[in-house]
Amino acid sequence: MTEDNFFNLLKRTFPQMLAAISGTLFAISDGMTYGWSAPYIPYLISEISHIETNIHEAELLETCFLMGSFCGLPLTIYLVDKIGRKKSLLLASFVVLLAWIAIGVATNMIYLFVARFFCGMCGNMAFVAAPCYIAEIADSKIRGFLSSIIYVMMLLGCLIVYSVGPYLPFYVPCIIGGSVAIVELLVFSRMPESPLYLLSKNKPEEALDSIKFFKPYCDADKELQEISELLENQLKDKGRFVDIFTVSSNRKGLIIMTVLNAGQHLCAYSVILMNLHTILDAAGTNYMDSAHAAILFAALMLISTIFASTQMDNYGRKALLIFSSILTGICLLCVAVYFNLQHMGYNMLTFSWVPIVSVMVYALVFKIGVGIVPIVVTAEIFPTNLKALGMTLSDSMFIIGGIIAINFYQAVANDFGIHIPFYVFGCFSLFVTFFTIFFIPETKGKTLEEIQILLKGEKPKSVIETPTA
């Protein structure tokens, strides 16, 4: 697709883009929450902190956020199907608004623990509901681009908190995060629910109106009929919990999502994002202070995410995953070797640029594939009757991966050295490369029905009917 054709397509699908952007504004707040601990743990354990705490309580803020995500899984499964994708996103934004208020007025650690816990719950709900919603409203030609917007928003949030955290008062991120939640509540509340969800709830007239809003360029009645047929095929048997494990295509989808979602954290994503300042300080570099390095890191991640989101529907999911995982592994192994030599007593001052360069290259290459493709593929590979369940289980793997990575890093780095967890993270990145090559099908440009056929090991009609040269 040429650049002109791409922008013409965006112009034609503007309602879809408006809904995707307004529906994922929450992710800015979530990104701020995710990266919040990096600049604020050093503040909280310092002598100037307005809240009395210690290093162990401060580190618990990271785990608390992820535990909130995990504990929110049952509620996510229920609400995304019960009240819908749109209302779930609005509910999450409202609760996060309250959480930012609690953080802003906090006078002791209890406020922070409770607020971070609920932020985790809401982040989990939003990161299931938003991809679901976007996959169901988006044209297949820009589905990858629209689905990846949520990561752009999240990294924008990280960049904001890294930029204001070290320099402005404690309450400033709370004002910014709360304002973002308010904007989403005001704007996204005016968007229609997805037509597929409405039709699944036996609301054909509302579904037709939704199609006319999102796809004014197509025959709405024909589109409604196609969605109806898709639902009929997928809902012949009501989705059961065991189907996610017993049906081969569902099982394959779950395995893919387990590796990719847990793999993001086991490729050091959460560890670096939440501990970037302390990691760079431990490296002893004199080339750039940790606060400026963190801002550059977040900016590079944001740039690479924007690039990947615009190119995903050109290069495909597999190519970006393979390229990203190889280079991510190399970057992490470079960091591991540096800290290993430092741990052995070598004077690494001459080479103190290595961890900074490695981390910055990591920021660029991780988000091109490993850090963005999973959420796009997640929304594509599960059938409608199991979409919420499949995505929530996959999201649980993301959370569990994060909890394992954070606790593994804290325990091993403190007792044996930072280099050991980075060796593990680097090797896992290379494992993702081989897993992608041999196990993951390409979903670029495929309809949701064609993707289900691919997961069953069959060829879609569009492939069968394409004449060979």
Protein backbone atom coordinates (compact mmCIF):
# COMPACT_ATOMS: atom_id res chain seq x y z
CA MET A 1 0.00 0.00 0.00
CA THR A 2 1.48 3.38 -1.03
CA GLU A 3 1.59 6.33 1.37
CA ASP A 4 -1.11 8.19 -0.60
CA ASN A 5 -3.40 5.17 -0.61
CA PHE A 6 -2.81 4.73 3.13
CA PHE A 7 -3.83 8.29 3.97
CA ASN A 8 -6.80 8.12 1.59
CA LEU A 9 -7.91 4.99 3.40
CA LEU A 10 -7.56 6.75 6.76
CA LYS A 11 -9.68 9.63 5.47
CA ARG A 12 -12.37 7.22 4.34
CA THR A 13 -12.30 5.35 7.65
CA PHE A 14 -12.11 8.46 9.86
CA PRO A 15 -15.03 7.38 12.14
CA GLN A 16 -13.14 4.17 12.94
CA MET A 17 -9.99 6.13 13.71
CA LEU A 18 -11.90 8.60 15.91
CA ALA A 19 -13.39 5.75 17.91
CA ALA A 20 -10.03 3.96 18.20
CA ILE A 21 -8.24 7.09 19.43
CA SER A 22 -10.93 8.21 21.87
CA GLY A 23 -11.43 4.65 23.12
CA THR A 24 -7.73 4.18 23.87
CA LEU A 25 -7.06 7.52 25.58
CA PHE A 26 -7.22 5.49 28.76
CA ALA A 27 -3.90 3.93 27.74
CA ILE A 28 -2.14 7.28 28.23
CA SER A 29 -3.19 7.16 31.86
CA ASP A 30 -2.27 3.47 32.04
CA GLY A 31 1.19 4.17 30.59
CA MET A 32 1.70 6.88 33.19
CA THR A 33 0.70 4.42 35.91
CA TYR A 34 2.99 1.73 34.49
CA GLY A 35 6.04 3.99 34.29
CA TRP A 36 5.18 5.93 37.46
CA SER A 37 7.37 3.80 39.74
CA ALA A 38 10.59 4.52 37.79
CA PRO A 39 10.86 8.23 38.75
CA TYR A 40 8.86 8.04 41.98
CA ILE A 41 10.42 5.10 43.84
CA PRO A 42 13.69 7.09 44.18
CA TYR A 43 11.60 10.03 45.44
CA LEU A 44 9.55 7.96 47.90
CA ILE A 45 12.62 6.43 49.57
CA SER A 46 14.44 9.76 49.69
CA GLU A 47 14.58 12.10 52.68
CA ILE A 48 12.42 14.72 50.94
CA SER A 49 9.46 12.36 50.40
CA HIS A 50 6.16 13.55 51.90
CA ILE A 51 5.18 9.90 52.51
CA GLU A 52 7.22 7.78 54.92
CA THR A 53 8.26 4.50 53.30
CA ASN A 54 11.17 2.10 52.78
CA ILE A 55 12.67 0.36 49.76
CA HIS A 56 10.68 -2.86 50.24
CA GLU A 57 7.34 -1.03 50.42
CA ALA A 58 8.30 1.08 47.41
CA GLU A 59 9.21 -1.98 45.35
CA LEU A 60 5.90 -3.57 46.35
CA LEU A 61 4.14 -0.80 44.37
CA GLU A 62 5.27 -2.54 41.17
CA THR A 63 3.93 -5.94 42.19
CA CYS A 64 0.75 -4.35 43.58
CA PHE A 65 -0.10 -2.90 40.17
CA LEU A 66 0.34 -6.27 38.45
CA MET A 67 -1.57 -8.11 41.19
CA GLY A 68 -4.49 -5.75 40.63
CA SER A 69 -4.44 -6.73 36.97
CA PHE A 70 -4.48 -10.42 37.88
CA CYS A 71 -7.27 -10.12 40.46
CA GLY A 72 -9.38 -8.18 37.95
CA LEU A 73 -9.44 -11.04 35.44
CA PRO A 74 -12.79 -12.61 36.53
CA LEU A 75 -14.48 -9.20 36.48
CA THR A 76 -13.02 -8.49 33.03
CA ILE A 77 -14.34 -11.79 31.63
CA TYR A 78 -17.80 -10.98 32.95
CA LEU A 79 -18.09 -7.28 32.06
CA VAL A 80 -16.60 -7.28 28.54
CA ASP A 81 -19.32 -9.69 27.42
CA LYS A 82 -22.08 -8.60 29.81
CA ILE A 83 -22.10 -4.81 29.47
CA GLY A 84 -20.06 -4.58 26.27
CA ARG A 85 -16.70 -3.32 25.08
CA LYS A 86 -17.65 0.37 25.14
CA LYS A 87 -19.13 0.46 28.64
CA SER A 88 -16.22 -1.56 30.01
CA LEU A 89 -13.79 1.06 28.69
CA LEU A 90 -15.84 3.89 30.17
CA LEU A 91 -16.07 2.14 33.54
CA ALA A 92 -12.30 1.61 33.58
CA SER A 93 -11.69 5.30 32.82
CA PHE A 94 -13.99 6.39 35.64
CA VAL A 95 -12.30 4.18 38.24
CA VAL A 96 -8.84 5.32 37.12
CA LEU A 97 -9.95 8.92 37.53
CA LEU A 98 -10.76 8.13 41.17
CA ALA A 99 -7.40 6.33 41.56
CA TRP A 100 -5.44 9.37 40.34
CA ILE A 101 -7.30 11.53 42.84
CA ALA A 102 -6.35 9.08 45.61
CA ILE A 103 -2.66 9.18 44.59
CA GLY A 104 -2.70 12.97 44.43
CA VAL A 105 -4.04 13.37 47.98
CA ALA A 106 -2.12 10.40 49.46
CA THR A 107 -0.64 10.92 52.92
CA ASN A 108 0.54 7.34 53.49
CA MET A 109 1.40 4.21 51.50
CA ILE A 110 -2.07 2.66 51.92
CA TYR A 111 -3.49 5.23 49.48
CA LEU A 112 -0.83 4.33 46.92
CA PHE A 113 -1.26 0.56 47.31
CA VAL A 114 -5.05 0.73 46.90
CA ALA A 115 -4.88 3.18 43.98
CA ARG A 116 -2.21 1.14 42.15
CA PHE A 117 -4.21 -2.06 42.72
CA PHE A 118 -7.34 -0.57 41.12
CA CYS A 119 -5.29 0.96 38.30
CA GLY A 120 -4.07 -2.55 37.55
CA MET A 121 -7.63 -3.93 37.53
CA CYS A 122 -8.82 -1.22 35.17
CA GLY A 123 -5.81 -1.47 32.92
CA ASN A 124 -6.50 -5.16 32.47
CA MET A 125 -10.13 -4.49 31.57
CA ALA A 126 -9.25 -1.77 29.08
CA PHE A 127 -6.51 -3.79 27.40
CA VAL A 128 -9.03 -6.59 26.79
CA ALA A 129 -12.01 -4.43 25.82
CA ALA A 130 -10.20 -1.96 23.53
CA PRO A 131 -8.57 -4.49 21.15
CA CYS A 132 -11.85 -6.41 21.07
CA TYR A 133 -13.78 -3.26 20.17
CA ILE A 134 -11.29 -2.09 17.53
CA ALA A 135 -11.05 -5.50 15.83
CA GLU A 136 -14.84 -5.53 15.50
CA ILE A 137 -15.22 -2.03 14.02
CA ALA A 138 -12.09 -1.77 11.86
CA ASP A 139 -11.63 -2.30 8.15
CA SER A 140 -9.29 -5.28 7.65
CA LYS A 141 -6.84 -3.06 5.73
CA ILE A 142 -6.15 -0.86 8.77
CA ARG A 143 -7.07 -3.22 11.60
CA GLY A 144 -3.42 -3.68 12.56
CA PHE A 145 -2.81 0.07 12.54
CA LEU A 146 -5.87 0.91 14.65
CA SER A 147 -5.23 -1.95 17.08
CA SER A 148 -1.70 -0.71 17.71
CA ILE A 149 -2.84 2.81 18.65
CA ILE A 150 -3.35 1.63 22.22
CA TYR A 151 0.40 1.05 22.55
CA VAL A 152 1.15 4.47 21.10
CA MET A 153 -1.08 5.95 23.78
CA MET A 154 0.53 3.87 26.52
CA LEU A 155 4.03 4.94 25.56
CA LEU A 156 2.93 8.55 25.33
CA GLY A 157 1.85 8.13 28.95
CA CYS A 158 5.26 6.70 29.89
CA LEU A 159 6.99 9.61 28.16
CA ILE A 160 4.81 12.08 30.07
CA VAL A 161 5.51 10.59 33.50
CA TYR A 162 9.24 10.23 32.77
CA SER A 163 9.31 13.88 31.69
CA VAL A 164 7.39 15.42 34.58
CA GLY A 165 8.22 12.96 37.37
CA PRO A 166 11.78 14.04 38.21
CA TYR A 167 11.13 17.77 37.84
CA LEU A 168 7.56 18.68 38.88
CA PRO A 169 5.54 18.23 42.11
CA PHE A 170 4.15 14.82 43.08
CA TYR A 171 0.56 15.75 42.21
CA VAL A 172 1.22 16.90 38.60
CA PRO A 173 1.01 13.41 36.97
CA CYS A 174 -2.26 12.91 38.88
CA ILE A 175 -3.75 16.01 37.28
CA ILE A 176 -2.59 14.92 33.80
CA GLY A 177 -3.78 11.31 34.19
CA GLY A 178 -7.13 12.38 35.62
CA SER A 179 -7.66 14.89 32.82
CA VAL A 180 -7.04 12.21 30.18
CA ALA A 181 -9.64 9.96 31.83
CA ILE A 182 -12.17 12.81 31.82
CA VAL A 183 -11.62 13.48 28.09
CA GLU A 184 -12.24 9.82 27.29
CA LEU A 185 -15.42 9.80 29.35
CA LEU A 186 -16.70 12.85 27.48
CA VAL A 187 -15.68 11.88 23.93
CA PHE A 188 -15.80 8.09 23.73
CA SER A 189 -19.22 7.95 25.39
CA ARG A 190 -20.60 9.40 22.13
CA MET A 191 -19.24 6.52 20.00
CA PRO A 192 -21.46 3.53 19.08
CA GLU A 193 -20.87 0.04 20.46
CA SER A 194 -19.35 -2.42 17.98
CA PRO A 195 -21.90 -3.85 15.50
CA LEU A 196 -20.74 -7.42 16.14
CA TYR A 197 -21.37 -7.12 19.88
CA LEU A 198 -24.75 -5.46 19.33
CA LEU A 199 -25.82 -8.20 16.96
CA SER A 200 -24.65 -10.86 19.41
CA LYS A 201 -27.04 -9.25 21.93
CA ASN A 202 -29.90 -9.38 19.41
CA LYS A 203 -29.94 -5.64 18.63
CA PRO A 204 -29.94 -5.63 14.81
CA GLU A 205 -31.21 -2.06 14.41
CA GLU A 206 -28.50 -0.64 16.66
CA ALA A 207 -25.94 -2.82 14.89
CA LEU A 208 -27.05 -1.44 11.52
CA ASP A 209 -26.69 2.13 12.81
CA SER A 210 -23.23 1.28 14.11
CA ILE A 211 -22.18 -0.07 10.71
CA LYS A 212 -23.46 3.06 8.99
CA PHE A 213 -21.43 5.19 11.38
CA PHE A 214 -18.17 3.25 11.13
CA LYS A 215 -18.36 2.16 7.47
CA PRO A 216 -20.43 4.69 5.50
CA TYR A 217 -18.60 3.59 2.34
CA CYS A 218 -20.01 0.05 2.34
CA ASP A 219 -23.41 -1.57 1.89
CA ALA A 220 -24.63 -1.60 5.51
CA ASP A 221 -27.27 -4.30 4.96
CA LYS A 222 -24.76 -6.59 3.27
CA GLU A 223 -22.23 -5.97 6.03
CA LEU A 224 -24.87 -6.76 8.65
CA GLN A 225 -25.69 -9.99 6.84
CA GLU A 226 -22.02 -11.01 6.76
CA ILE A 227 -21.63 -10.31 10.47
CA SER A 228 -24.81 -12.24 11.15
CA GLU A 229 -23.51 -15.25 9.21
CA LEU A 230 -20.17 -15.04 11.03
CA LEU A 231 -21.97 -15.01 14.37
CA GLU A 232 -24.24 -17.84 13.33
CA ASN A 233 -21.25 -19.98 12.39
CA GLN A 234 -19.34 -19.18 15.57
CA LEU A 235 -22.28 -19.33 17.96
CA LYS A 236 -23.83 -22.61 16.82
CA ASP A 237 -22.39 -24.04 19.99
CA LYS A 238 -22.23 -21.70 22.93
CA GLY A 239 -18.62 -21.11 23.87
CA ARG A 240 -17.60 -23.13 26.91
CA PHE A 241 -14.51 -22.65 29.03
CA VAL A 242 -13.17 -26.09 28.06
CA ASP A 243 -13.44 -25.23 24.34
CA ILE A 244 -10.45 -22.93 24.65
CA PHE A 245 -8.38 -26.03 25.46
CA THR A 246 -10.15 -28.83 23.58
CA VAL A 247 -10.68 -27.16 20.18
CA SER A 248 -7.40 -27.26 18.29
CA SER A 249 -7.64 -23.79 16.71
CA ASN A 250 -8.52 -22.19 20.07
CA ARG A 251 -5.73 -24.09 21.79
CA LYS A 252 -3.21 -22.94 19.21
CA GLY A 253 -4.40 -19.36 19.60
CA LEU A 254 -4.01 -19.60 23.38
CA ILE A 255 -0.48 -20.99 23.08
CA ILE A 256 0.48 -18.19 20.71
CA MET A 257 -0.89 -15.57 23.04
CA THR A 258 0.69 -17.15 26.10
CA VAL A 259 4.16 -17.02 24.57
CA LEU A 260 3.77 -13.55 23.07
CA ASN A 261 2.09 -11.88 26.04
CA ALA A 262 4.20 -13.46 28.77
CA GLY A 263 7.15 -13.06 26.43
CA GLN A 264 6.94 -9.28 26.45
CA HIS A 265 7.82 -9.25 30.15
CA LEU A 266 10.30 -12.10 29.86
CA CYS A 267 12.03 -9.93 27.26
CA ALA A 268 12.56 -7.44 30.14
CA TYR A 269 9.84 -4.96 29.17
CA SER A 270 8.33 -4.37 32.62
CA VAL A 271 11.71 -4.68 34.35
CA ILE A 272 13.27 -1.93 32.25
CA LEU A 273 10.17 0.27 32.22
CA MET A 274 9.72 0.17 35.99
CA ASN A 275 13.41 0.22 36.97
CA LEU A 276 15.12 2.19 34.21
CA HIS A 277 16.50 4.87 36.52
CA THR A 278 18.06 2.39 38.96
CA ILE A 279 19.44 0.15 36.17
CA LEU A 280 21.24 3.06 34.51
CA ASP A 281 22.48 4.36 37.86
CA ALA A 282 23.90 0.88 38.60
CA ALA A 283 25.72 0.95 35.26
CA GLY A 284 27.74 3.91 36.56
CA THR A 285 27.65 5.76 33.26
CA ASN A 286 28.78 9.39 33.05
CA TYR A 287 27.43 10.00 29.55
CA MET A 288 23.84 10.84 30.50
CA ASP A 289 21.95 11.09 33.77
CA SER A 290 19.16 8.56 34.34
CA ALA A 291 16.32 11.10 34.23
CA HIS A 292 17.30 12.38 30.76
CA ALA A 293 18.01 8.83 29.57
CA ALA A 294 14.52 7.73 30.66
CA ILE A 295 12.90 10.54 28.66
CA LEU A 296 14.93 9.60 25.58
CA PHE A 297 14.07 5.92 26.13
CA ALA A 298 10.32 6.61 26.23
CA ALA A 299 10.53 8.94 23.22
CA LEU A 300 12.35 6.30 21.15
CA MET A 301 9.78 3.67 22.14
CA LEU A 302 6.99 6.02 21.12
CA ILE A 303 8.63 6.74 17.74
CA SER A 304 9.18 3.04 17.00
CA THR A 305 5.60 2.21 18.00
CA ILE A 306 4.21 4.87 15.66
CA PHE A 307 6.40 3.48 12.85
CA ALA A 308 5.33 -0.10 13.54
CA SER A 309 1.64 0.84 13.72
CA THR A 310 1.76 2.45 10.27
CA GLN A 311 3.78 -0.37 8.72
CA MET A 312 2.19 -3.44 10.32
CA ASP A 313 -0.36 -3.82 7.54
CA ASN A 314 2.44 -3.55 4.97
CA TYR A 315 5.17 -5.80 6.36
CA GLY A 316 2.95 -8.17 8.30
CA ARG A 317 2.98 -9.42 11.87
CA LYS A 318 5.57 -12.22 11.50
CA ALA A 319 8.29 -10.16 9.82
CA LEU A 320 8.12 -7.48 12.51
CA LEU A 321 8.14 -10.08 15.29
CA ILE A 322 11.19 -11.89 13.91
CA PHE A 323 13.19 -8.71 13.28
CA SER A 324 12.28 -7.27 16.68
CA SER A 325 12.93 -10.39 18.79
CA ILE A 326 16.40 -11.00 17.31
CA LEU A 327 17.61 -7.45 17.95
CA THR A 328 15.92 -7.31 21.35
CA GLY A 329 17.81 -10.44 22.39
CA ILE A 330 21.13 -8.98 21.23
CA CYS A 331 20.54 -5.74 23.18
CA LEU A 332 19.68 -7.59 26.38
CA LEU A 333 22.70 -9.86 26.09
CA CYS A 334 24.95 -6.80 25.63
CA VAL A 335 23.58 -5.36 28.88
CA ALA A 336 24.09 -8.73 30.58
CA VAL A 337 27.73 -8.97 29.46
CA TYR A 338 28.43 -5.42 30.65
CA PHE A 339 27.03 -6.03 34.13
CA ASN A 340 28.70 -9.45 34.26
CA LEU A 341 32.14 -7.90 33.67
CA GLN A 342 31.35 -5.14 36.16
CA HIS A 343 30.31 -7.78 38.72
CA MET A 344 33.63 -9.58 38.18
CA GLY A 345 35.47 -6.43 39.19
CA TYR A 346 36.55 -5.00 35.85
CA ASN A 347 36.69 -1.22 35.48
CA MET A 348 33.93 -0.58 32.93
CA LEU A 349 34.05 3.23 32.94
CA THR A 350 35.47 3.32 29.41
CA PHE A 351 32.58 1.15 28.20
CA SER A 352 29.84 2.77 30.30
CA TRP A 353 28.17 3.87 27.06
CA VAL A 354 27.26 0.24 26.32
CA PRO A 355 24.21 -0.06 28.63
CA ILE A 356 22.82 3.31 27.51
CA VAL A 357 23.21 2.50 23.81
CA SER A 358 21.84 -1.02 24.32
CA VAL A 359 18.81 0.23 26.22
CA MET A 360 18.09 2.91 23.59
CA VAL A 361 18.37 0.42 20.72
CA TYR A 362 16.14 -1.91 22.76
CA ALA A 363 13.57 0.91 22.96
CA LEU A 364 13.56 1.17 19.17
CA VAL A 365 13.49 -2.51 18.21
CA PHE A 366 11.31 -3.97 21.00
CA LYS A 367 8.27 -1.89 20.15
CA ILE A 368 8.58 -2.57 16.43
CA GLY A 369 7.45 -6.14 16.96
CA VAL A 370 7.56 -7.97 20.30
CA GLY A 371 6.06 -5.02 22.12
CA ILE A 372 3.19 -4.24 19.77
CA VAL A 373 2.25 -7.24 17.60
CA PRO A 374 0.79 -9.37 20.45
CA ILE A 375 -2.08 -7.01 21.23
CA VAL A 376 -2.98 -6.83 17.53
CA VAL A 377 -2.91 -10.59 17.03
CA THR A 378 -4.77 -11.15 20.32
CA ALA A 379 -7.87 -9.45 18.96
CA GLU A 380 -7.71 -11.43 15.72
CA ILE A 381 -7.24 -15.10 16.57
CA PHE A 382 -10.16 -15.97 18.85
CA PRO A 383 -13.73 -16.65 17.58
CA THR A 384 -16.52 -14.34 18.74
CA ASN A 385 -18.02 -16.80 21.21
CA LEU A 386 -14.68 -17.14 23.01
CA LYS A 387 -13.08 -13.78 22.26
CA ALA A 388 -13.50 -12.21 25.70
CA LEU A 389 -12.47 -15.42 27.48
CA GLY A 390 -9.51 -16.08 25.18
CA MET A 391 -8.26 -12.52 25.38
CA THR A 392 -8.65 -12.43 29.14
CA LEU A 393 -6.72 -15.69 29.56
CA SER A 394 -4.05 -14.32 27.25
CA ASP A 395 -3.99 -11.10 29.23
CA SER A 396 -3.57 -13.15 32.39
CA MET A 397 -0.41 -14.60 30.83
CA PHE A 398 0.76 -11.02 30.25
CA ILE A 399 0.17 -10.24 33.92
CA ILE A 400 1.70 -13.47 35.21
CA GLY A 401 4.71 -12.89 32.96
CA GLY A 402 5.07 -9.42 34.46
CA ILE A 403 4.83 -10.68 38.05
CA ILE A 404 7.38 -13.42 37.36
CA ALA A 405 9.79 -11.06 35.58
CA ILE A 406 9.61 -8.32 38.23
CA ASN A 407 10.00 -10.66 41.21
CA PHE A 408 12.68 -12.72 39.46
CA TYR A 409 14.63 -9.57 38.68
CA GLN A 410 14.33 -8.12 42.19
CA ALA A 411 15.32 -11.38 43.90
CA VAL A 412 18.16 -12.43 41.60
CA ALA A 413 19.61 -8.98 40.89
CA ASN A 414 19.84 -8.12 44.58
CA ASP A 415 21.47 -11.41 45.60
CA PHE A 416 23.51 -12.48 42.56
CA GLY A 417 23.86 -9.49 40.25
CA ILE A 418 21.87 -7.70 37.51
CA HIS A 419 23.60 -9.66 34.74
CA ILE A 420 21.89 -12.98 35.48
CA PRO A 421 18.27 -11.88 34.82
CA PHE A 422 19.40 -10.05 31.69
CA TYR A 423 21.03 -13.22 30.35
CA VAL A 424 17.71 -15.02 30.91
CA PHE A 425 15.70 -12.24 29.26
CA GLY A 426 18.04 -12.15 26.26
CA CYS A 427 17.81 -15.91 25.70
CA PHE A 428 14.01 -15.83 25.91
CA SER A 429 13.93 -13.10 23.24
CA LEU A 430 15.76 -15.43 20.87
CA PHE A 431 13.31 -18.22 21.75
CA VAL A 432 10.47 -15.93 20.60
CA THR A 433 12.23 -15.66 17.23
CA PHE A 434 12.13 -19.40 16.61
CA PHE A 435 8.59 -19.71 18.00
CA THR A 436 7.38 -17.04 15.55
CA ILE A 437 9.05 -18.67 12.56
CA PHE A 438 7.62 -22.14 13.15
CA PHE A 439 4.33 -21.61 14.97
CA ILE A 440 2.63 -18.27 14.26
CA PRO A 441 0.52 -17.79 11.07
CA GLU A 442 0.48 -14.47 9.24
CA THR A 443 -2.83 -12.65 9.84
CA LYS A 444 -2.13 -9.52 7.81
CA GLY A 445 -5.05 -8.63 5.54
CA LYS A 446 -7.08 -11.68 6.59
CA THR A 447 -10.70 -11.49 7.71
CA LEU A 448 -11.51 -12.81 11.18
CA GLU A 449 -13.09 -15.87 9.53
CA GLU A 450 -10.00 -16.56 7.38
CA ILE A 451 -7.79 -16.38 10.46
CA GLN A 452 -9.87 -19.08 12.14
CA ILE A 453 -9.42 -21.27 9.07
CA LEU A 454 -5.63 -20.71 9.19
CA LEU A 455 -5.49 -21.72 12.85
CA LYS A 456 -7.23 -24.97 11.94
CA GLY A 457 -4.40 -25.72 9.53
CA GLU A 458 -6.48 -25.12 6.42
CA LYS A 459 -6.18 -22.59 3.60
CA PRO A 460 -8.73 -19.77 3.31
CA LYS A 461 -10.73 -19.51 0.09
CA SER A 462 -8.91 -16.29 -0.78
CA VAL A 463 -5.66 -18.25 -0.86
CA ILE A 464 -7.07 -21.28 -2.62
CA GLU A 465 -8.70 -19.21 -5.32
CA THR A 466 -5.62 -17.05 -6.00
CA PRO A 467 -4.09 -18.29 -9.27
CA THR A 468 -0.43 -19.14 -9.18
CA ALA A 469 2.01 -17.47 -11.51
